[in-house]
Structure formats: structure tokens, C-alpha cells
Amino acid sequence: MKTRIIAALIIIIVASASTDSLAQARKDVRQKAQRVRIAEGRKDGEVTNGEAALLNKQQRSIRRSERRAKADGEVTVREKVVIERKQDRASRNIRRAKNNDIEKKD
């Protein structure tokens, strides 16, 4: 009986740890995708130097928030929500910067 309880606890702990690492991997992928979108916008001329500087500053802020959240060893639900909102806002700003020149120059 004790071995079953211990085995169940181990499974729960491993599943919990892998869920957290999976969530972190998704955040990292999203962060990298945003950096790539900024670089592509800069390369294509859709994003100006000033816009790129502001967008990159926003990315640094997100990374800083992630480091602070991880500093105590546990990322709370509130910290996760704050980081997710910052990423949403950054994504929206990238889209706006890339599409703010609606008029096509022929």
C-alpha cells in the first residue's frame, strides 16, 4: 500500500514538473518568435529603427520580469498572468508596427 502511494506521489510530482517545463518552453518559443518577427519587420522595412528599439526594449522588459519571477524558485499564477499579458501586448505592438503603413507605394 505504501509503495502505491509513493508511486502515485512520484507520478504526480513528475507530471507537475513536466507541465511547468512545458509551459516555460512555450514562453521561450513565443519570446523567440516575437524577436524573429521584429527582425523580419526591420529587414523588410516595415519597422523603423525607432519602432524596433521600442519593441526590443519591451522584449527586454519581458525577459527581466521572467527572471524576477523565477528568482525565488517559484513562479506564481499572478506572475504568469503578468508575463502572459506583457507578451500579448508586445505581440500586438509588433503587429501594429509592421502594419502601420497601410498605403502601398507603387
Protein backbone atom coordinates (compact mmCIF):
# COMPACT_ATOMS: atom_id res chain seq x y z
CA MET A 1 0.00 0.00 0.00
CA LYS A 2 2.78 2.41 0.90
CA THR A 3 4.58 1.69 -2.36
CA ARG A 4 1.44 2.54 -4.35
CA ILE A 5 1.05 5.84 -2.52
CA ILE A 6 4.72 6.66 -3.04
CA ALA A 7 4.50 5.71 -6.72
CA ALA A 8 1.40 7.88 -7.16
CA LEU A 9 3.13 10.82 -5.49
CA ILE A 10 6.17 10.40 -7.73
CA ILE A 11 3.97 10.34 -10.82
CA ILE A 12 2.15 13.49 -9.68
CA ILE A 13 5.43 15.29 -8.97
CA VAL A 14 6.94 14.30 -12.32
CA ALA A 15 3.77 15.29 -14.18
CA SER A 16 3.69 18.63 -12.38
CA ALA A 17 7.35 19.32 -13.13
CA SER A 18 6.96 18.43 -16.79
CA THR A 19 3.89 20.68 -17.08
CA ASP A 20 5.87 23.62 -15.68
CA SER A 21 8.79 22.95 -18.01
CA LEU A 22 6.39 22.64 -20.94
CA ALA A 23 4.82 25.99 -20.09
CA GLN A 24 8.28 27.54 -19.85
CA ALA A 25 9.24 26.06 -23.21
CA ARG A 26 6.13 27.61 -24.78
CA LYS A 27 7.04 31.01 -23.31
CA ASP A 28 10.58 30.70 -24.66
CA VAL A 29 9.30 29.76 -28.13
CA ARG A 30 6.87 32.68 -28.10
CA GLN A 31 9.63 35.07 -26.99
CA LYS A 32 11.91 33.87 -29.79
CA ALA A 33 9.11 34.15 -32.35
CA GLN A 34 8.50 37.74 -31.30
CA ARG A 35 12.20 38.59 -31.66
CA VAL A 36 12.18 37.00 -35.14
CA ARG A 37 9.08 39.00 -36.14
CA ILE A 38 10.82 42.23 -35.08
CA ALA A 39 13.96 41.31 -37.04
CA GLU A 40 11.95 40.37 -40.13
CA GLY A 41 9.98 43.61 -39.93
CA ARG A 42 13.23 45.54 -39.67
CA LYS A 43 14.72 43.65 -42.62
CA ASP A 44 11.62 44.20 -44.80
CA GLY A 45 11.46 47.89 -43.89
CA GLU A 46 8.06 47.51 -42.21
CA VAL A 47 9.53 48.50 -38.84
CA THR A 48 11.62 51.66 -38.42
CA ASN A 49 14.72 51.92 -36.25
CA GLY A 50 12.76 53.76 -33.57
CA GLU A 51 9.96 51.21 -33.57
CA ALA A 52 12.46 48.35 -33.41
CA ALA A 53 14.20 50.00 -30.46
CA LEU A 54 10.92 50.31 -28.56
CA LEU A 55 9.88 46.74 -29.40
CA ASN A 56 13.26 45.38 -28.31
CA LYS A 57 13.03 47.38 -25.09
CA GLN A 58 9.66 45.74 -24.46
CA GLN A 59 11.21 42.30 -25.05
CA ARG A 60 13.94 43.08 -22.51
CA SER A 61 11.27 44.08 -20.01
CA ILE A 62 9.52 40.74 -20.50
CA ARG A 63 12.78 38.82 -20.01
CA ARG A 64 13.50 40.87 -16.87
CA SER A 65 10.03 40.06 -15.50
CA GLU A 66 10.61 36.37 -16.16
CA ARG A 67 13.96 36.43 -14.35
CA ARG A 68 12.44 38.21 -11.36
CA ALA A 69 9.56 35.75 -11.23
CA LYS A 70 11.98 32.80 -11.25
CA ALA A 71 14.35 34.36 -8.72
CA ASP A 72 12.59 32.94 -5.67
CA GLY A 73 12.33 29.48 -7.22
CA GLU A 74 8.59 29.54 -7.85
CA VAL A 75 6.57 31.39 -10.46
CA THR A 76 3.16 32.20 -9.03
CA VAL A 77 -0.07 32.23 -11.01
CA ARG A 78 -0.15 36.02 -10.72
CA GLU A 79 3.39 36.31 -12.12
CA LYS A 80 2.45 34.00 -15.01
CA VAL A 81 -0.58 36.17 -15.81
CA VAL A 82 1.51 39.35 -15.76
CA ILE A 83 4.12 37.85 -18.08
CA GLU A 84 1.46 36.50 -20.44
CA ARG A 85 -0.20 39.92 -20.63
CA LYS A 86 3.13 41.56 -21.37
CA GLN A 87 3.72 39.05 -24.17
CA ASP A 88 0.23 39.68 -25.56
CA ARG A 89 0.82 43.43 -25.50
CA ALA A 90 4.23 43.00 -27.17
CA SER A 91 2.73 40.82 -29.90
CA ARG A 92 0.03 43.40 -30.54
CA ASN A 93 2.64 46.19 -30.71
CA ILE A 94 4.75 44.19 -33.18
CA ARG A 95 1.73 43.64 -35.41
CA ARG A 96 0.85 47.33 -35.28
CA ALA A 97 4.40 48.39 -36.08
CA LYS A 98 4.59 46.04 -39.04
CA ASN A 99 1.22 47.16 -40.43
CA ASN A 100 1.06 50.85 -39.58
CA ASP A 101 1.93 51.93 -43.12
CA ILE A 102 -1.32 50.94 -44.84
CA GLU A 103 -0.76 52.94 -48.02
CA LYS A 104 1.20 50.98 -50.58
CA LYS A 105 3.75 52.98 -52.54
CA ASP A 106 3.79 51.93 -56.16
